[in-house]
C-alpha atoms as a PDB file:
ATOM      1  CA  UNK A   1      -0.481   0.360  -0.231  1.00  0.00           C
ATOM      2  CA  UNK A   2       1.027   3.822  -1.137  1.00  0.00           C
ATOM      3  CA  UNK A   3       0.802   5.467   2.312  1.00  0.00           C
ATOM      4  CA  UNK A   4       1.281   9.462   2.850  1.00  0.00           C
ATOM      5  CA  UNK A   5       1.534  11.065   6.471  1.00  0.00           C
ATOM      6  CA  UNK A   6       1.756  13.884   7.415  1.00  0.00           C
ATOM      7  CA  UNK A   7       2.799  14.955  10.951  1.00  0.00           C
ATOM      8  CA  UNK A   8       5.542  11.839  10.324  1.00  0.00           C
ATOM      9  CA  UNK A   9       8.044  14.065  12.183  1.00  0.00           C
ATOM     10  CA  UNK A  10       6.350  13.641  15.670  1.00  0.00           C
ATOM     11  CA  UNK A  11       7.125  10.642  18.112  1.00  0.00           C
ATOM     12  CA  UNK A  12       4.068   8.671  16.783  1.00  0.00           C
ATOM     13  CA  UNK A  13       5.019   9.446  13.460  1.00  0.00           C
ATOM     14  CA  UNK A  14       8.021   8.647  13.391  1.00  0.00           C
ATOM     15  CA  UNK A  15       7.605   5.374  14.903  1.00  0.00           C
ATOM     16  CA  UNK A  16       4.077   4.707  12.480  1.00  0.00           C
ATOM     17  CA  UNK A  17       6.255   5.243   9.532  1.00  0.00           C
ATOM     18  CA  UNK A  18       9.448   3.140  10.833  1.00  0.00           C
ATOM     19  CA  UNK A  19       6.696  -0.048  10.590  1.00  0.00           C
ATOM     20  CA  UNK A  20       5.084   1.066   8.228  1.00  0.00           C
ATOM     21  CA  UNK A  21       8.205   0.630   5.809  1.00  0.00           C
ATOM     22  CA  UNK A  22       9.458  -1.947   7.467  1.00  0.00           C
ATOM     23  CA  UNK A  23       6.628  -3.995   6.578  1.00  0.00           C
ATOM     24  CA  UNK A  24       6.451  -3.224   3.096  1.00  0.00           C
ATOM     25  CA  UNK A  25       4.337  -0.198   2.179  1.00  0.00           C
ATOM     26  CA  UNK A  26       5.474   2.844   0.776  1.00  0.00           C
ATOM     27  CA  UNK A  27       4.764   6.283   2.885  1.00  0.00           C
ATOM     28  CA  UNK A  28       4.658   9.221   1.419  1.00  0.00           C
ATOM     29  CA  UNK A  29       5.968  11.900   4.117  1.00  0.00           C
ATOM     30  CA  UNK A  30       4.584  15.287   3.965  1.00  0.00           C
ATOM     31  CA  UNK A  31       6.875  17.798   4.880  1.00  0.00           C
ATOM     32  CA  UNK A  32       6.941  21.539   5.810  1.00  0.00           C
ATOM     33  CA  UNK A  33      10.928  21.859   4.839  1.00  0.00           C
ATOM     34  CA  UNK A  34      12.310  21.141   0.933  1.00  0.00           C
ATOM     35  CA  UNK A  35      12.413  17.158   0.472  1.00  0.00           C
ATOM     36  CA  UNK A  36      15.394  15.677   1.291  1.00  0.00           C
ATOM     37  CA  UNK A  37      14.577  12.718  -0.758  1.00  0.00           C
ATOM     38  CA  UNK A  38      11.947  11.116  -2.791  1.00  0.00           C
ATOM     39  CA  UNK A  39       9.693   9.985  -0.380  1.00  0.00           C
ATOM     40  CA  UNK A  40       8.982  14.004   1.151  1.00  0.00           C
ATOM     41  CA  UNK A  41       6.475  15.975  -0.090  1.00  0.00           C
ATOM     42  CA  UNK A  42       6.722  19.968   0.531  1.00  0.00           C
ATOM     43  CA  UNK A  43       3.568  20.979   1.489  1.00  0.00           C
ATOM     44  CA  UNK A  44       2.398  24.221   3.148  1.00  0.00           C
ATOM     45  CA  UNK A  45      -1.436  23.235   6.188  1.00  0.00           C
ATOM     46  CA  UNK A  46      -0.855  26.776   6.632  1.00  0.00           C
ATOM     47  CA  UNK A  47      -0.919  28.218   3.578  1.00  0.00           C
ATOM     48  CA  UNK A  48      -3.516  25.435   2.566  1.00  0.00           C
ATOM     49  CA  UNK A  49      -1.530  24.634  -0.412  1.00  0.00           C
ATOM     50  CA  UNK A  50      -1.169  20.493  -1.152  1.00  0.00           C
ATOM     51  CA  UNK A  51      -0.671  19.480  -5.333  1.00  0.00           C
ATOM     52  CA  UNK A  52      -3.607  17.351  -5.370  1.00  0.00           C
ATOM     53  CA  UNK A  53      -1.445  14.867  -7.932  1.00  0.00           C
ATOM     54  CA  UNK A  54       0.552  13.350  -4.880  1.00  0.00           C
ATOM     55  CA  UNK A  55      -2.585  12.723  -3.042  1.00  0.00           C
ATOM     56  CA  UNK A  56      -3.279  10.810  -6.577  1.00  0.00           C
ATOM     57  CA  UNK A  57      -1.277   8.612  -6.170  1.00  0.00           C
ATOM     58  CA  UNK A  58      -1.769   7.113  -2.802  1.00  0.00           C
ATOM     59  CA  UNK A  59      -4.074   4.438  -2.092  1.00  0.00           C
ATOM     60  CA  UNK A  60      -4.538   5.746   1.545  1.00  0.00           C
ATOM     61  CA  UNK A  61      -3.455   9.655   3.769  1.00  0.00           C
ATOM     62  CA  UNK A  62      -3.375   9.422   7.502  1.00  0.00           C
ATOM     63  CA  UNK A  63      -2.629  12.953   9.166  1.00  0.00           C
ATOM     64  CA  UNK A  64      -1.255  12.727  12.708  1.00  0.00           C
ATOM     65  CA  UNK A  65       0.340  16.940  12.881  1.00  0.00           C
ATOM     66  CA  UNK A  66      -1.019  18.922  15.143  1.00  0.00           C
ATOM     67  CA  UNK A  67       1.226  21.551  17.766  1.00  0.00           C
ATOM     68  CA  UNK A  68       1.840  19.719  21.235  1.00  0.00           C
ATOM     69  CA  UNK A  69      -0.944  20.185  23.696  1.00  0.00           C
ATOM     70  CA  UNK A  70       1.098  19.245  26.481  1.00  0.00           C
ATOM     71  CA  UNK A  71       2.757  23.144  26.842  1.00  0.00           C
ATOM     72  CA  UNK A  72       1.050  26.043  28.993  1.00  0.00           C
ATOM     73  CA  UNK A  73      -1.784  27.628  27.120  1.00  0.00           C
ATOM     74  CA  UNK A  74      -1.524  31.224  26.082  1.00  0.00           C
ATOM     75  CA  UNK A  75      -5.216  32.525  23.921  1.00  0.00           C
ATOM     76  CA  UNK A  76      -2.594  32.816  21.179  1.00  0.00           C
ATOM     77  CA  UNK A  77      -0.901  29.542  21.738  1.00  0.00           C
ATOM     78  CA  UNK A  78      -4.734  27.339  22.109  1.00  0.00           C
ATOM     79  CA  UNK A  79      -5.221  29.110  18.637  1.00  0.00           C
ATOM     80  CA  UNK A  80      -2.087  27.551  17.181  1.00  0.00           C
ATOM     81  CA  UNK A  81      -3.343  24.093  18.391  1.00  0.00           C
ATOM     82  CA  UNK A  82      -6.845  24.728  17.185  1.00  0.00           C
ATOM     83  CA  UNK A  83      -5.828  25.731  13.292  1.00  0.00           C
ATOM     84  CA  UNK A  84      -2.895  23.369  13.729  1.00  0.00           C
ATOM     85  CA  UNK A  85      -5.807  20.754  13.278  1.00  0.00           C
ATOM     86  CA  UNK A  86      -8.439  22.039  11.463  1.00  0.00           C
ATOM     87  CA  UNK A  87      -6.714  24.465   8.614  1.00  0.00           C
ATOM     88  CA  UNK A  88      -3.553  21.530   8.246  1.00  0.00           C
ATOM     89  CA  UNK A  89      -7.832  18.977   8.430  1.00  0.00           C
ATOM     90  CA  UNK A  90      -9.002  21.714   5.821  1.00  0.00           C
ATOM     91  CA  UNK A  91      -5.861  21.122   3.521  1.00  0.00           C
ATOM     92  CA  UNK A  92      -6.228  18.163   3.354  1.00  0.00           C
ATOM     93  CA  UNK A  93      -9.903  17.441   2.543  1.00  0.00           C
ATOM     94  CA  UNK A  94      -9.755  20.065  -0.390  1.00  0.00           C
ATOM     95  CA  UNK A  95      -6.645  18.425  -2.155  1.00  0.00           C
ATOM     96  CA  UNK A  96      -8.336  14.571  -1.375  1.00  0.00           C
ATOM     97  CA  UNK A  97     -11.335  15.702  -3.130  1.00  0.00           C
ATOM     98  CA  UNK A  98      -9.748  17.104  -5.761  1.00  0.00           C
ATOM     99  CA  UNK A  99      -7.215  14.163  -6.324  1.00  0.00           C
ATOM    100  CA  UNK A 100     -10.811  11.912  -6.483  1.00  0.00           C
ATOM    101  CA  UNK A 101     -11.798  14.054  -9.290  1.00  0.00           C
ATOM    102  CA  UNK A 102      -8.783  13.724 -11.191  1.00  0.00           C
ATOM    103  CA  UNK A 103      -8.506  10.057 -11.385  1.00  0.00           C
ATOM    104  CA  UNK A 104      -9.765   8.256  -8.078  1.00  0.00           C
ATOM    105  CA  UNK A 105      -7.408   9.528  -5.301  1.00  0.00           C
ATOM    106  CA  UNK A 106      -6.817   7.613  -1.989  1.00  0.00           C
ATOM    107  CA  UNK A 107     -10.134   5.599  -0.839  1.00  0.00           C
ATOM    108  CA  UNK A 108      -9.131   5.849   2.480  1.00  0.00           C
ATOM    109  CA  UNK A 109      -8.176   8.609   4.786  1.00  0.00           C
ATOM    110  CA  UNK A 110      -7.457   8.125   8.894  1.00  0.00           C
ATOM    111  CA  UNK A 111      -7.207  11.624   9.869  1.00  0.00           C
ATOM    112  CA  UNK A 112      -6.118  12.025  14.260  1.00  0.00           C
ATOM    113  CA  UNK A 113      -8.346  13.345  16.743  1.00  0.00           C
ATOM    114  CA  UNK A 114      -8.383  13.021  20.473  1.00  0.00           C
ATOM    115  CA  UNK A 115     -10.370  11.493  23.126  1.00  0.00           C
ATOM    116  CA  UNK A 116     -10.272  15.285  24.575  1.00  0.00           C
ATOM    117  CA  UNK A 117     -13.493  14.646  22.339  1.00  0.00           C
ATOM    118  CA  UNK A 118     -15.687  13.768  25.279  1.00  0.00           C
ATOM    119  CA  UNK A 119     -14.928  16.324  28.049  1.00  0.00           C
ATOM    120  CA  UNK A 120     -14.203  14.998  31.417  1.00  0.00           C
ATOM    121  CA  UNK A 121     -16.734  12.068  31.354  1.00  0.00           C
ATOM    122  CA  UNK A 122     -15.962  11.385  35.955  1.00  0.00           C
ATOM    123  CA  UNK A 123     -16.762   7.759  36.504  1.00  0.00           C
ATOM    124  CA  UNK A 124     -19.137   7.462  33.365  1.00  0.00           C
ATOM    125  CA  UNK A 125     -17.565   4.328  30.846  1.00  0.00           C
ATOM    126  CA  UNK A 126     -18.211   5.976  26.864  1.00  0.00           C
ATOM    127  CA  UNK A 127     -17.834   5.013  23.869  1.00  0.00           C
ATOM    128  CA  UNK A 128     -17.874   5.559  20.316  1.00  0.00           C
ATOM    129  CA  UNK A 129     -21.504   6.204  20.896  1.00  0.00           C
ATOM    130  CA  UNK A 130     -21.524   8.466  23.042  1.00  0.00           C
ATOM    131  CA  UNK A 131     -21.936  12.695  22.166  1.00  0.00           C
ATOM    132  CA  UNK A 132     -19.520  15.203  22.507  1.00  0.00           C
ATOM    133  CA  UNK A 133     -18.513  17.017  26.579  1.00  0.00           C
ATOM    134  CA  UNK A 134     -17.530  20.484  27.283  1.00  0.00           C
ATOM    135  CA  UNK A 135     -14.027  22.758  26.963  1.00  0.00           C
ATOM    136  CA  UNK A 136     -11.830  23.284  24.687  1.00  0.00           C
ATOM    137  CA  UNK A 137     -10.164  20.654  23.113  1.00  0.00           C
ATOM    138  CA  UNK A 138     -14.019  18.703  22.919  1.00  0.00           C
ATOM    139  CA  UNK A 139     -14.971  22.153  20.901  1.00  0.00           C
ATOM    140  CA  UNK A 140     -11.583  21.631  18.987  1.00  0.00           C
ATOM    141  CA  UNK A 141     -11.754  17.951  18.002  1.00  0.00           C
ATOM    142  CA  UNK A 142     -16.077  18.679  17.591  1.00  0.00           C
ATOM    143  CA  UNK A 143     -14.089  21.231  14.527  1.00  0.00           C
ATOM    144  CA  UNK A 144     -11.146  19.076  13.569  1.00  0.00           C
ATOM    145  CA  UNK A 145     -13.268  15.863  12.878  1.00  0.00           C
ATOM    146  CA  UNK A 146     -16.188  18.459  10.395  1.00  0.00           C
ATOM    147  CA  UNK A 147     -13.088  20.037   8.490  1.00  0.00           C
ATOM    148  CA  UNK A 148     -13.175  16.092   7.045  1.00  0.00           C
ATOM    149  CA  UNK A 149     -16.289  16.464   5.729  1.00  0.00           C
ATOM    150  CA  UNK A 150     -15.572  17.249   2.253  1.00  0.00           C
ATOM    151  CA  UNK A 151     -13.516  13.898   1.505  1.00  0.00           C
ATOM    152  CA  UNK A 152     -16.638  12.166   3.546  1.00  0.00           C
ATOM    153  CA  UNK A 153     -18.610  13.528   0.689  1.00  0.00           C
ATOM    154  CA  UNK A 154     -16.440  12.627  -1.737  1.00  0.00           C
ATOM    155  CA  UNK A 155     -17.042   8.599  -0.755  1.00  0.00           C
ATOM    156  CA  UNK A 156     -13.774   8.651   0.545  1.00  0.00           C
ATOM    157  CA  UNK A 157     -13.637   5.868   4.092  1.00  0.00           C
ATOM    158  CA  UNK A 158     -12.850   8.363   6.649  1.00  0.00           C
ATOM    159  CA  UNK A 159     -12.003   7.148  10.225  1.00  0.00           C
ATOM    160  CA  UNK A 160     -11.801  10.116  13.380  1.00  0.00           C
ATOM    161  CA  UNK A 161      -8.036   8.553  15.756  1.00  0.00           C
ATOM    162  CA  UNK A 162      -9.413   9.605  18.787  1.00  0.00           C
ATOM    163  CA  UNK A 163      -6.720   8.933  20.700  1.00  0.00           C
ATOM    164  CA  UNK A 164      -5.791   9.034  24.223  1.00  0.00           C
ATOM    165  CA  UNK A 165      -2.327   8.242  25.552  1.00  0.00           C
ATOM    166  CA  UNK A 166       0.338   6.804  24.103  1.00  0.00           C
ATOM    167  CA  UNK A 167       2.521   4.995  26.652  1.00  0.00           C
ATOM    168  CA  UNK A 168       6.335   6.234  24.829  1.00  0.00           C
ATOM    169  CA  UNK A 169       9.662   7.480  27.267  1.00  0.00           C
ATOM    170  CA  UNK A 170      10.212   9.512  23.987  1.00  0.00           C
ATOM    171  CA  UNK A 171       7.054  11.716  24.919  1.00  0.00           C
ATOM    172  CA  UNK A 172       3.200  11.669  25.781  1.00  0.00           C
ATOM    173  CA  UNK A 173       2.962  12.072  29.325  1.00  0.00           C
ATOM    174  CA  UNK A 174       5.252   9.476  30.494  1.00  0.00           C
ATOM    175  CA  UNK A 175       8.031  11.570  29.122  1.00  0.00           C
ATOM    176  CA  UNK A 176       7.715  14.181  32.007  1.00  0.00           C
ATOM    177  CA  UNK A 177       6.898  12.094  35.211  1.00  0.00           C
ATOM    178  CA  UNK A 178       9.624   9.972  34.486  1.00  0.00           C
ATOM    179  CA  UNK A 179      12.131  12.291  35.411  1.00  0.00           C
ATOM    180  CA  UNK A 180      10.588  13.246  38.927  1.00  0.00           C
ATOM    181  CA  UNK A 181       9.401   9.213  39.498  1.00  0.00           C
ATOM    182  CA  UNK A 182      13.398   8.543  39.366  1.00  0.00           C
ATOM    183  CA  UNK A 183      14.164  11.451  41.343  1.00  0.00           C
ATOM    184  CA  UNK A 184      11.795   9.439  43.937  1.00  0.00           C
ATOM    185  CA  UNK A 185       9.106  12.753  44.158  1.00  0.00           C
ATOM    186  CA  UNK A 186       6.239  11.556  41.464  1.00  0.00           C
ATOM    187  CA  UNK A 187       3.233  11.392  42.765  1.00  0.00           C
ATOM    188  CA  UNK A 188      -0.624  11.354  41.683  1.00  0.00           C
ATOM    189  CA  UNK A 189      -1.994  14.387  39.986  1.00  0.00           C
ATOM    190  CA  UNK A 190      -4.594  15.998  41.999  1.00  0.00           C
ATOM    191  CA  UNK A 191      -6.589  14.114  43.894  1.00  0.00           C
ATOM    192  CA  UNK A 192      -5.528  10.398  41.272  1.00  0.00           C
ATOM    193  CA  UNK A 193      -9.728   9.930  41.233  1.00  0.00           C
ATOM    194  CA  UNK A 194      -8.835  10.722  37.233  1.00  0.00           C
ATOM    195  CA  UNK A 195      -9.230   8.134  34.654  1.00  0.00           C
ATOM    196  CA  UNK A 196      -6.935   7.866  31.609  1.00  0.00           C
ATOM    197  CA  UNK A 197      -7.725   6.929  28.387  1.00  0.00           C
ATOM    198  CA  UNK A 198      -3.536   4.916  28.365  1.00  0.00           C
ATOM    199  CA  UNK A 199      -3.065   3.041  25.060  1.00  0.00           C
ATOM    200  CA  UNK A 200       0.602   0.892  24.983  1.00  0.00           C
ATOM    201  CA  UNK A 201       2.358   2.100  21.813  1.00  0.00           C
ATOM    202  CA  UNK A 202       2.418  -1.173  19.633  1.00  0.00           C
ATOM    203  CA  UNK A 203      -1.356  -1.783  20.116  1.00  0.00           C
ATOM    204  CA  UNK A 204      -1.520   2.329  19.277  1.00  0.00           C
ATOM    205  CA  UNK A 205      -0.176   0.996  15.555  1.00  0.00           C
ATOM    206  CA  UNK A 206      -1.271  -2.229  15.669  1.00  0.00           C
ATOM    207  CA  UNK A 207      -4.437  -0.611  15.811  1.00  0.00           C
ATOM    208  CA  UNK A 208      -3.346   2.387  12.636  1.00  0.00           C
ATOM    209  CA  UNK A 209      -2.512  -0.595  10.132  1.00  0.00           C
ATOM    210  CA  UNK A 210      -5.636  -2.474  11.304  1.00  0.00           C
ATOM    211  CA  UNK A 211      -7.931   0.266  10.436  1.00  0.00           C
ATOM    212  CA  UNK A 212      -5.645   0.587   7.009  1.00  0.00           C
ATOM    213  CA  UNK A 213      -7.178  -2.635   6.247  1.00  0.00           C
ATOM    214  CA  UNK A 214     -11.004  -3.093   7.250  1.00  0.00           C
ATOM    215  CA  UNK A 215     -12.707  -1.381   4.346  1.00  0.00           C
ATOM    216  CA  UNK A 216     -15.683  -1.819   6.385  1.00  0.00           C
ATOM    217  CA  UNK A 217     -14.456   0.377   9.334  1.00  0.00           C
ATOM    218  CA  UNK A 218     -15.641   4.407   9.379  1.00  0.00           C
ATOM    219  CA  UNK A 219     -16.275   7.380  11.355  1.00  0.00           C
ATOM    220  CA  UNK A 220     -15.155   8.321  15.136  1.00  0.00           C
ATOM    221  CA  UNK A 221     -12.713   5.239  16.632  1.00  0.00           C
ATOM    222  CA  UNK A 222     -11.100   5.372  19.956  1.00  0.00           C
ATOM    223  CA  UNK A 223      -7.634   4.171  20.210  1.00  0.00           C
ATOM    224  CA  UNK A 224      -7.324   3.696  23.703  1.00  0.00           C
ATOM    225  CA  UNK A 225      -7.004   0.180  25.796  1.00  0.00           C
ATOM    226  CA  UNK A 226      -9.285  -1.812  26.971  1.00  0.00           C
ATOM    227  CA  UNK A 227      -8.602  -0.617  30.297  1.00  0.00           C
ATOM    228  CA  UNK A 228      -8.708   3.215  31.682  1.00  0.00           C
ATOM    229  CA  UNK A 229      -7.140   3.330  35.000  1.00  0.00           C
ATOM    230  CA  UNK A 230      -7.270   6.494  37.506  1.00  0.00           C
ATOM    231  CA  UNK A 231      -4.890   8.314  37.924  1.00  0.00           C
ATOM    232  CA  UNK A 232      -3.578   6.518  41.471  1.00  0.00           C
ATOM    233  CA  UNK A 233      -4.052   3.511  40.611  1.00  0.00           C
ATOM    234  CA  UNK A 234      -1.675   4.683  36.863  1.00  0.00           C
ATOM    235  CA  UNK A 235       1.388   6.106  39.204  1.00  0.00           C
ATOM    236  CA  UNK A 236       1.061   2.938  41.309  1.00  0.00           C
ATOM    237  CA  UNK A 237       2.050   0.627  39.363  1.00  0.00           C
ATOM    238  CA  UNK A 238       4.536   2.888  37.777  1.00  0.00           C
ATOM    239  CA  UNK A 239       5.982   3.808  40.620  1.00  0.00           C
ATOM    240  CA  UNK A 240       7.020   0.337  41.386  1.00  0.00           C
ATOM    241  CA  UNK A 241       8.327  -0.471  38.342  1.00  0.00           C
ATOM    242  CA  UNK A 242      10.666   1.740  38.511  1.00  0.00           C
ATOM    243  CA  UNK A 243      11.104   1.368  42.294  1.00  0.00           C
ATOM    244  CA  UNK A 244      10.523   4.357  43.683  1.00  0.00           C
ATOM    245  CA  UNK A 245       7.839   5.572  46.144  1.00  0.00           C
ATOM    246  CA  UNK A 246       4.937   8.266  45.064  1.00  0.00           C
ATOM    247  CA  UNK A 247       4.182  10.105  48.630  1.00  0.00           C
ATOM    248  CA  UNK A 248       4.039  13.824  47.027  1.00  0.00           C
ATOM    249  CA  UNK A 249       0.822  14.388  44.946  1.00  0.00           C
ATOM    250  CA  UNK A 250       0.980  17.154  42.930  1.00  0.00           C
ATOM    251  CA  UNK A 251      -2.071  19.674  43.364  1.00  0.00           C
ATOM    252  CA  UNK A 252      -3.791  20.805  40.879  1.00  0.00           C
ATOM    253  CA  UNK A 253      -3.720  24.976  41.752  1.00  0.00           C
ATOM    254  CA  UNK A 254      -0.358  24.223  41.098  1.00  0.00           C
ATOM    255  CA  UNK A 255      -0.907  22.514  37.712  1.00  0.00           C
ATOM    256  CA  UNK A 256      -2.963  25.456  36.430  1.00  0.00           C
ATOM    257  CA  UNK A 257      -0.063  27.676  37.681  1.00  0.00           C
ATOM    258  CA  UNK A 258       2.451  25.743  35.339  1.00  0.00           C
ATOM    259  CA  UNK A 259      -0.031  25.110  32.426  1.00  0.00           C
ATOM    260  CA  UNK A 260      -2.463  27.396  32.431  1.00  0.00           C
ATOM    261  CA  UNK A 261      -5.780  26.549  30.787  1.00  0.00           C
ATOM    262  CA  UNK A 262      -4.298  22.419  29.914  1.00  0.00           C
ATOM    263  CA  UNK A 263      -3.682  22.525  33.798  1.00  0.00           C
ATOM    264  CA  UNK A 264      -7.809  21.877  33.753  1.00  0.00           C
ATOM    265  CA  UNK A 265      -7.759  19.547  31.047  1.00  0.00           C
ATOM    266  CA  UNK A 266      -4.204  17.374  32.748  1.00  0.00           C
ATOM    267  CA  UNK A 267      -6.291  16.568  35.819  1.00  0.00           C
ATOM    268  CA  UNK A 268     -10.223  15.460  33.503  1.00  0.00           C
ATOM    269  CA  UNK A 269     -11.098  11.689  33.806  1.00  0.00           C
ATOM    270  CA  UNK A 270     -12.236  10.046  30.534  1.00  0.00           C
ATOM    271  CA  UNK A 271     -13.060   6.561  31.776  1.00  0.00           C
ATOM    272  CA  UNK A 272     -12.836   6.289  27.613  1.00  0.00           C
ATOM    273  CA  UNK A 273     -13.854   2.830  26.126  1.00  0.00           C
ATOM    274  CA  UNK A 274     -12.041   1.246  22.729  1.00  0.00           C
ATOM    275  CA  UNK A 275     -15.857  -0.049  21.421  1.00  0.00           C
ATOM    276  CA  UNK A 276     -15.018   0.010  17.486  1.00  0.00           C
ATOM    277  CA  UNK A 277     -11.409  -2.415  18.514  1.00  0.00           C
ATOM    278  CA  UNK A 278     -12.862  -4.406  20.668  1.00  0.00           C
ATOM    279  CA  UNK A 279     -16.235  -4.828  18.433  1.00  0.00           C
ATOM    280  CA  UNK A 280     -13.923  -5.377  15.637  1.00  0.00           C
ATOM    281  CA  UNK A 281     -11.947  -8.292  16.692  1.00  0.00           C
ATOM    282  CA  UNK A 282      -8.760  -6.550  17.031  1.00  0.00           C
ATOM    283  CA  UNK A 283      -6.502  -7.786  20.078  1.00  0.00           C
ATOM    284  CA  UNK A 284      -4.533  -6.065  21.807  1.00  0.00           C
ATOM    285  CA  UNK A 285      -0.913  -7.091  22.873  1.00  0.00           C
ATOM    286  CA  UNK A 286      -0.987  -4.644  26.308  1.00  0.00           C
ATOM    287  CA  UNK A 287      -4.299  -5.229  27.562  1.00  0.00           C
ATOM    288  CA  UNK A 288      -3.650  -3.897  30.319  1.00  0.00           C
ATOM    289  CA  UNK A 289      -1.264  -0.753  31.736  1.00  0.00           C
ATOM    290  CA  UNK A 290       1.596  -2.619  33.467  1.00  0.00           C
ATOM    291  CA  UNK A 291       2.021  -4.188  30.300  1.00  0.00           C
ATOM    292  CA  UNK A 292       2.162  -1.212  28.588  1.00  0.00           C
ATOM    293  CA  UNK A 293       4.331   0.178  31.138  1.00  0.00           C
ATOM    294  CA  UNK A 294       6.550  -1.972  31.042  1.00  0.00           C
ATOM    295  CA  UNK A 295       7.230  -2.695  27.326  1.00  0.00           C
ATOM    296  CA  UNK A 296       7.480   1.635  27.185  1.00  0.00           C
ATOM    297  CA  UNK A 297      10.162   1.236  30.121  1.00  0.00           C
ATOM    298  CA  UNK A 298      11.750  -1.270  28.296  1.00  0.00           C
ATOM    299  CA  UNK A 299      11.453   0.198  24.129  1.00  0.00           C
ATOM    300  CA  UNK A 300      12.841   3.294  22.044  1.00  0.00           C
END
């Protein structure tokens, strides 16, 4: 399969590209800098520029592009978070539609989204049939997913990858936690009762490949592990694997002071279940958080 990937330089994109090329697929990387080789094609999502001819040669598109949410949120940075997702997706949608009109273009498009779609769910379990929640990230996810509608109307199978928290040492949730935990000053966030929608990195990659192959699956798909755990349980397991104590909770007020608006989101409870994957028969290789964390701590 020939697959165009946007956001290929991020910690998820890099690993997905390595996996796909290692299993015989041909990857076309959409990059913002001048191409450094035949596998790269330059585009400019800010200007809405992507040559439809590029997509006319691929079987599928995977879009993982978007600014990092795990930093201090100013109003300007919130606009960047939204625009880096919605404008990028809209640019791809226009190119997909043009490619389909000319030569057929890609039949499949997997577009990144997030479990932030559901807002704070408390103790309530949610799946893909659940409605959107409230909050900034929920609003972003709604606009993000809506930007693919022109491609869906053109007959493209679109999957929305509502990704949770992939566990990998070099990025995501785990990277900022490891230093304090290894120093023995790690702890739960807030009261620790909020649910974390984690997923093992190998399962995230396997799920994307699964969805590329399953022509019968479209719409929202939660990329989360089958057993969400509370932050307190996650903290306990991580501390145990690192052979360190976890005695110093991080107060909610401190998170707000350090992270701004993201401080509130970081202690939201999201008990998100992978309903679509479960019903489709996807087999998780790392179905519990201990197994996923053990893999993350021993692999790069």
